[in-house]
Amino acid sequence: PFPGLPDTFDGYLRPDGRAGTRNEVWIIPT
């Protein structure tokens, strides 16, 4: 990593351990 840059980002941690960059509601047709 470039010196001085943060090694984190502000995201949404999900219960399964994955992270989202957005927190949206999706409507999915079958």
All heavy atoms as atom14 arrays in JSON, in Angstrom:
{
  "sequence": "PFPGLPDTFDGYLRPDGRAGTRNEVWIIPT",
  "atom14_mask": [
    [1, 1, 1, 1, 1, 1, 1, 0, 0, 0, 0, 0, 0, 0],
    [1, 1, 1, 1, 1, 1, 1, 1, 1, 1, 1, 0, 0, 0],
    [1, 1, 1, 1, 1, 1, 1, 0, 0, 0, 0, 0, 0, 0],
    [1, 1, 1, 1, 0, 0, 0, 0, 0, 0, 0, 0, 0, 0],
    [1, 1, 1, 1, 1, 1, 1, 1, 0, 0, 0, 0, 0, 0],
    [1, 1, 1, 1, 1, 1, 1, 0, 0, 0, 0, 0, 0, 0],
    [1, 1, 1, 1, 1, 1, 1, 1, 0, 0, 0, 0, 0, 0],
    [1, 1, 1, 1, 1, 1, 1, 0, 0, 0, 0, 0, 0, 0],
    [1, 1, 1, 1, 1, 1, 1, 1, 1, 1, 1, 0, 0, 0],
    [1, 1, 1, 1, 1, 1, 1, 1, 0, 0, 0, 0, 0, 0],
    [1, 1, 1, 1, 0, 0, 0, 0, 0, 0, 0, 0, 0, 0],
    [1, 1, 1, 1, 1, 1, 1, 1, 1, 1, 1, 1, 0, 0],
    [1, 1, 1, 1, 1, 1, 1, 1, 0, 0, 0, 0, 0, 0],
    [1, 1, 1, 1, 1, 1, 1, 1, 1, 1, 1, 0, 0, 0],
    [1, 1, 1, 1, 1, 1, 1, 0, 0, 0, 0, 0, 0, 0],
    [1, 1, 1, 1, 1, 1, 1, 1, 0, 0, 0, 0, 0, 0],
    [1, 1, 1, 1, 0, 0, 0, 0, 0, 0, 0, 0, 0, 0],
    [1, 1, 1, 1, 1, 1, 1, 1, 1, 1, 1, 0, 0, 0],
    [1, 1, 1, 1, 1, 0, 0, 0, 0, 0, 0, 0, 0, 0],
    [1, 1, 1, 1, 0, 0, 0, 0, 0, 0, 0, 0, 0, 0],
    [1, 1, 1, 1, 1, 1, 1, 0, 0, 0, 0, 0, 0, 0],
    [1, 1, 1, 1, 1, 1, 1, 1, 1, 1, 1, 0, 0, 0],
    [1, 1, 1, 1, 1, 1, 1, 1, 0, 0, 0, 0, 0, 0],
    [1, 1, 1, 1, 1, 1, 1, 1, 1, 0, 0, 0, 0, 0],
    [1, 1, 1, 1, 1, 1, 1, 0, 0, 0, 0, 0, 0, 0],
    [1, 1, 1, 1, 1, 1, 1, 1, 1, 1, 1, 1, 1, 1],
    [1, 1, 1, 1, 1, 1, 1, 1, 0, 0, 0, 0, 0, 0],
    [1, 1, 1, 1, 1, 1, 1, 1, 0, 0, 0, 0, 0, 0],
    [1, 1, 1, 1, 1, 1, 1, 0, 0, 0, 0, 0, 0, 0],
    [1, 1, 1, 1, 1, 1, 1, 0, 0, 0, 0, 0, 0, 0]
  ],
  "atom14_positions": [
    [[0.83, -1.21, 0.0], [0.0, 0.0, 0.0], [0.86, 1.25, 0.0], [1.98, 1.26, 0.5], [-0.81, -0.12, 1.3], [-0.01, -1.04, 2.16], [0.71, -1.99, 1.23], [0.0, 0.0, 0.0], [0.0, 0.0, 0.0], [0.0, 0.0, 0.0], [0.0, 0.0, 0.0], [0.0, 0.0, 0.0], [0.0, 0.0, 0.0], [0.0, 0.0, 0.0]],
    [[0.33, 2.3, -0.59], [1.06, 3.57, -0.6], [1.16, 4.1, 0.83], [0.18, 4.07, 1.59], [0.33, 4.59, -1.48], [0.42, 4.3, -2.93], [-0.65, 3.76, -3.6], [1.59, 4.56, -3.65], [-0.58, 3.48, -4.96], [1.67, 4.3, -4.99], [0.59, 3.75, -5.66], [0.0, 0.0, 0.0], [0.0, 0.0, 0.0], [0.0, 0.0, 0.0]],
    [[2.32, 4.58, 1.22], [2.47, 5.1, 2.59], [1.54, 6.29, 2.83], [1.38, 7.14, 1.97], [3.95, 5.51, 2.65], [4.37, 5.69, 1.23], [3.56, 4.71, 0.44], [0.0, 0.0, 0.0], [0.0, 0.0, 0.0], [0.0, 0.0, 0.0], [0.0, 0.0, 0.0], [0.0, 0.0, 0.0], [0.0, 0.0, 0.0], [0.0, 0.0, 0.0]],
    [[0.93, 6.28, 3.98], [0.07, 7.39, 4.35], [-1.39, 7.19, 3.98], [-2.25, 7.94, 4.45], [0.0, 0.0, 0.0], [0.0, 0.0, 0.0], [0.0, 0.0, 0.0], [0.0, 0.0, 0.0], [0.0, 0.0, 0.0], [0.0, 0.0, 0.0], [0.0, 0.0, 0.0], [0.0, 0.0, 0.0], [0.0, 0.0, 0.0], [0.0, 0.0, 0.0]],
    [[-1.69, 6.21, 3.12], [-3.08, 5.97, 2.74], [-3.73, 5.04, 3.76], [-3.08, 4.15, 4.32], [-3.16, 5.35, 1.35], [-2.78, 6.25, 0.18], [-2.91, 5.5, -1.13], [-3.63, 7.51, 0.15], [0.0, 0.0, 0.0], [0.0, 0.0, 0.0], [0.0, 0.0, 0.0], [0.0, 0.0, 0.0], [0.0, 0.0, 0.0], [0.0, 0.0, 0.0]],
    [[-5.02, 5.2, 3.99], [-5.69, 4.32, 4.96], [-5.76, 2.88, 4.45], [-5.81, 2.65, 3.24], [-7.1, 4.94, 5.06], [-7.29, 5.67, 3.79], [-5.93, 6.19, 3.4], [0.0, 0.0, 0.0], [0.0, 0.0, 0.0], [0.0, 0.0, 0.0], [0.0, 0.0, 0.0], [0.0, 0.0, 0.0], [0.0, 0.0, 0.0], [0.0, 0.0, 0.0]],
    [[-5.74, 1.92, 5.37], [-5.85, 0.52, 4.99], [-7.24, -0.02, 5.31], [-7.45, -1.21, 5.44], [-4.77, -0.32, 5.66], [-4.81, -0.21, 7.19], [-5.7, 0.51, 7.71], [-3.96, -0.83, 7.84], [0.0, 0.0, 0.0], [0.0, 0.0, 0.0], [0.0, 0.0, 0.0], [0.0, 0.0, 0.0], [0.0, 0.0, 0.0], [0.0, 0.0, 0.0]],
    [[-8.2, 0.91, 5.44], [-9.59, 0.53, 5.68], [-10.51, 1.32, 4.75], [-10.1, 2.3, 4.13], [-10.0, 0.8, 7.14], [-9.93, 2.21, 7.39], [-9.12, 0.04, 8.13], [0.0, 0.0, 0.0], [0.0, 0.0, 0.0], [0.0, 0.0, 0.0], [0.0, 0.0, 0.0], [0.0, 0.0, 0.0], [0.0, 0.0, 0.0], [0.0, 0.0, 0.0]],
    [[-11.74, 0.88, 4.64], [-12.78, 1.63, 3.94], [-14.06, 1.55, 4.77], [-14.23, 0.63, 5.58], [-13.02, 1.08, 2.53], [-13.73, -0.25, 2.5], [-15.09, -0.33, 2.21], [-13.05, -1.43, 2.76], [-15.75, -1.54, 2.18], [-13.7, -2.65, 2.72], [-15.06, -2.71, 2.44], [0.0, 0.0, 0.0], [0.0, 0.0, 0.0], [0.0, 0.0, 0.0]],
    [[-14.94, 2.5, 4.59], [-16.21, 2.51, 5.31], [-17.22, 1.68, 4.54], [-17.68, 2.08, 3.47], [-16.72, 3.93, 5.5], [-15.9, 4.71, 6.51], [-15.18, 4.07, 7.31], [-15.96, 5.95, 6.5], [0.0, 0.0, 0.0], [0.0, 0.0, 0.0], [0.0, 0.0, 0.0], [0.0, 0.0, 0.0], [0.0, 0.0, 0.0], [0.0, 0.0, 0.0]],
    [[-17.55, 0.51, 5.07], [-18.47, -0.39, 4.38], [-19.5, -0.97, 5.33], [-19.55, -0.62, 6.51], [0.0, 0.0, 0.0], [0.0, 0.0, 0.0], [0.0, 0.0, 0.0], [0.0, 0.0, 0.0], [0.0, 0.0, 0.0], [0.0, 0.0, 0.0], [0.0, 0.0, 0.0], [0.0, 0.0, 0.0], [0.0, 0.0, 0.0], [0.0, 0.0, 0.0]],
    [[-20.31, -1.86, 4.78], [-21.38, -2.5, 5.54], [-21.01, -3.96, 5.76], [-20.97, -4.75, 4.81], [-22.7, -2.4, 4.79], [-23.18, -0.99, 4.57], [-22.91, -0.32, 3.38], [-23.9, -0.32, 5.56], [-23.35, 0.98, 3.17], [-24.34, 0.98, 5.36], [-24.06, 1.63, 4.17], [-24.49, 2.92, 3.97], [0.0, 0.0, 0.0], [0.0, 0.0, 0.0]],
    [[-20.72, -4.33, 6.99], [-20.36, -5.71, 7.3], [-21.62, -6.54, 7.42], [-22.52, -6.22, 8.19], [-19.55, -5.77, 8.6], [-19.02, -7.15, 8.97], [-18.04, -7.67, 7.91], [-18.36, -7.12, 10.35], [0.0, 0.0, 0.0], [0.0, 0.0, 0.0], [0.0, 0.0, 0.0], [0.0, 0.0, 0.0], [0.0, 0.0, 0.0], [0.0, 0.0, 0.0]],
    [[-21.68, -7.62, 6.65], [-22.85, -8.5, 6.65], [-22.64, -9.67, 7.61], [-21.49, -10.02, 7.94], [-23.12, -9.01, 5.24], [-23.33, -7.9, 4.21], [-24.42, -6.93, 4.61], [-24.66, -5.92, 3.56], [-25.42, -4.85, 3.71], [-25.98, -4.62, 4.9], [-25.6, -3.99, 2.73], [0.0, 0.0, 0.0], [0.0, 0.0, 0.0], [0.0, 0.0, 0.0]],
    [[-23.71, -10.3, 8.07], [-23.57, -11.4, 9.03], [-22.7, -12.56, 8.53], [-22.1, -13.27, 9.34], [-25.02, -11.86, 9.24], [-25.83, -10.64, 8.99], [-25.12, -9.92, 7.88], [0.0, 0.0, 0.0], [0.0, 0.0, 0.0], [0.0, 0.0, 0.0], [0.0, 0.0, 0.0], [0.0, 0.0, 0.0], [0.0, 0.0, 0.0], [0.0, 0.0, 0.0]],
    [[-22.61, -12.75, 7.2], [-21.8, -13.85, 6.68], [-20.33, -13.47, 6.56], [-19.51, -14.25, 6.05], [-22.33, -14.33, 5.33], [-22.26, -13.27, 4.24], [-21.76, -12.15, 4.51], [-22.71, -13.55, 3.11], [0.0, 0.0, 0.0], [0.0, 0.0, 0.0], [0.0, 0.0, 0.0], [0.0, 0.0, 0.0], [0.0, 0.0, 0.0], [0.0, 0.0, 0.0]],
    [[-19.95, -12.26, 7.0], [-18.57, -11.84, 6.98], [-18.17, -11.05, 5.75], [-17.09, -10.47, 5.71], [0.0, 0.0, 0.0], [0.0, 0.0, 0.0], [0.0, 0.0, 0.0], [0.0, 0.0, 0.0], [0.0, 0.0, 0.0], [0.0, 0.0, 0.0], [0.0, 0.0, 0.0], [0.0, 0.0, 0.0], [0.0, 0.0, 0.0], [0.0, 0.0, 0.0]],
    [[-19.03, -11.02, 4.73], [-18.72, -10.23, 3.53], [-19.06, -8.77, 3.79], [-19.76, -8.43, 4.74], [-19.49, -10.76, 2.33], [-19.06, -12.17, 1.92], [-19.73, -12.6, 0.64], [-21.18, -12.62, 0.77], [-22.03, -12.64, -0.26], [-21.57, -12.62, -1.49], [-23.32, -12.67, -0.05], [0.0, 0.0, 0.0], [0.0, 0.0, 0.0], [0.0, 0.0, 0.0]],
    [[-18.56, -7.9, 2.91], [-18.77, -6.46, 3.09], [-19.43, -5.87, 1.86], [-19.08, -6.21, 0.72], [-17.46, -5.76, 3.36], [0.0, 0.0, 0.0], [0.0, 0.0, 0.0], [0.0, 0.0, 0.0], [0.0, 0.0, 0.0], [0.0, 0.0, 0.0], [0.0, 0.0, 0.0], [0.0, 0.0, 0.0], [0.0, 0.0, 0.0], [0.0, 0.0, 0.0]],
    [[-20.35, -4.97, 2.08], [-20.96, -4.22, 1.0], [-20.43, -2.8, 0.97], [-20.09, -2.24, 2.02], [0.0, 0.0, 0.0], [0.0, 0.0, 0.0], [0.0, 0.0, 0.0], [0.0, 0.0, 0.0], [0.0, 0.0, 0.0], [0.0, 0.0, 0.0], [0.0, 0.0, 0.0], [0.0, 0.0, 0.0], [0.0, 0.0, 0.0], [0.0, 0.0, 0.0]],
    [[-20.34, -2.24, -0.22], [-19.97, -0.84, -0.34], [-21.2, 0.05, -0.37], [-21.11, 1.26, -0.23], [-19.15, -0.59, -1.62], [-19.9, -1.03, -2.75], [-17.83, -1.36, -1.55], [0.0, 0.0, 0.0], [0.0, 0.0, 0.0], [0.0, 0.0, 0.0], [0.0, 0.0, 0.0], [0.0, 0.0, 0.0], [0.0, 0.0, 0.0], [0.0, 0.0, 0.0]],
    [[-22.37, -0.57, -0.57], [-23.64, 0.16, -0.55], [-24.64, -0.63, 0.3], [-24.48, -1.84, 0.51], [-24.19, 0.34, -1.98], [-23.29, 1.18, -2.85], [-23.92, 1.46, -4.21], [-24.15, 0.27, -4.99], [-23.22, -0.31, -5.77], [-22.0, 0.17, -5.81], [-23.52, -1.38, -6.47], [0.0, 0.0, 0.0], [0.0, 0.0, 0.0], [0.0, 0.0, 0.0]],
    [[-25.67, 0.04, 0.73], [-26.71, -0.61, 1.55], [-28.06, -0.32, 0.89], [-28.75, 0.63, 1.24], [-26.68, -0.07, 2.98], [-27.54, -0.89, 3.92], [-27.59, -2.11, 3.83], [-28.24, -0.22, 4.82], [0.0, 0.0, 0.0], [0.0, 0.0, 0.0], [0.0, 0.0, 0.0], [0.0, 0.0, 0.0], [0.0, 0.0, 0.0], [0.0, 0.0, 0.0]],
    [[-28.4, -1.16, -0.08], [-29.59, -0.94, -0.9], [-30.64, -2.01, -0.62], [-30.34, -3.07, -0.06], [-29.2, -0.95, -2.37], [-28.19, 0.13, -2.72], [-27.59, -0.03, -4.1], [-27.69, -1.12, -4.7], [-27.01, 0.96, -4.6], [0.0, 0.0, 0.0], [0.0, 0.0, 0.0], [0.0, 0.0, 0.0], [0.0, 0.0, 0.0], [0.0, 0.0, 0.0]],
    [[-31.85, -1.74, -1.05], [-32.92, -2.74, -1.03], [-33.21, -3.11, -2.48], [-33.44, -2.23, -3.32], [-34.18, -2.22, -0.32], [-35.35, -3.19, -0.51], [-33.9, -2.02, 1.17], [0.0, 0.0, 0.0], [0.0, 0.0, 0.0], [0.0, 0.0, 0.0], [0.0, 0.0, 0.0], [0.0, 0.0, 0.0], [0.0, 0.0, 0.0], [0.0, 0.0, 0.0]],
    [[-33.17, -4.4, -2.77], [-33.35, -4.88, -4.14], [-34.67, -5.64, -4.27], [-35.07, -6.38, -3.36], [-32.2, -5.78, -4.55], [-30.89, -5.05, -4.7], [-30.67, -3.7, -4.55], [-29.62, -5.62, -5.03], [-29.36, -3.4, -4.77], [-28.68, -4.55, -5.07], [-29.18, -6.91, -5.3], [-27.34, -4.76, -5.36], [-27.84, -7.11, -5.59], [-26.93, -6.06, -5.63]],
    [[-35.32, -5.46, -5.41], [-36.56, -6.16, -5.72], [-36.26, -7.1, -6.89], [-35.98, -6.65, -8.0], [-37.69, -5.18, -6.08], [-37.83, -4.09, -5.0], [-39.01, -5.91, -6.27], [-38.75, -2.95, -5.38], [0.0, 0.0, 0.0], [0.0, 0.0, 0.0], [0.0, 0.0, 0.0], [0.0, 0.0, 0.0], [0.0, 0.0, 0.0], [0.0, 0.0, 0.0]],
    [[-36.31, -8.4, -6.62], [-35.88, -9.41, -7.59], [-37.08, -10.22, -8.07], [-37.71, -10.92, -7.29], [-34.84, -10.36, -6.96], [-33.72, -9.6, -6.27], [-34.32, -11.34, -8.0], [-32.82, -8.84, -7.18], [0.0, 0.0, 0.0], [0.0, 0.0, 0.0], [0.0, 0.0, 0.0], [0.0, 0.0, 0.0], [0.0, 0.0, 0.0], [0.0, 0.0, 0.0]],
    [[-37.42, -10.16, -9.36], [-38.49, -11.01, -9.88], [-37.97, -12.42, -10.17], [-36.85, -12.59, -10.63], [-38.9, -10.3, -11.18], [-37.66, -9.6, -11.64], [-36.88, -9.25, -10.38], [0.0, 0.0, 0.0], [0.0, 0.0, 0.0], [0.0, 0.0, 0.0], [0.0, 0.0, 0.0], [0.0, 0.0, 0.0], [0.0, 0.0, 0.0], [0.0, 0.0, 0.0]],
    [[-38.77, -13.41, -9.87], [-38.39, -14.79, -10.23], [-38.67, -15.07, -11.7], [-38.17, -16.04, -12.25], [-39.18, -15.81, -9.39], [-40.58, -15.63, -9.62], [-38.87, -15.66, -7.91], [0.0, 0.0, 0.0], [0.0, 0.0, 0.0], [0.0, 0.0, 0.0], [0.0, 0.0, 0.0], [0.0, 0.0, 0.0], [0.0, 0.0, 0.0], [0.0, 0.0, 0.0]]
  ]
}
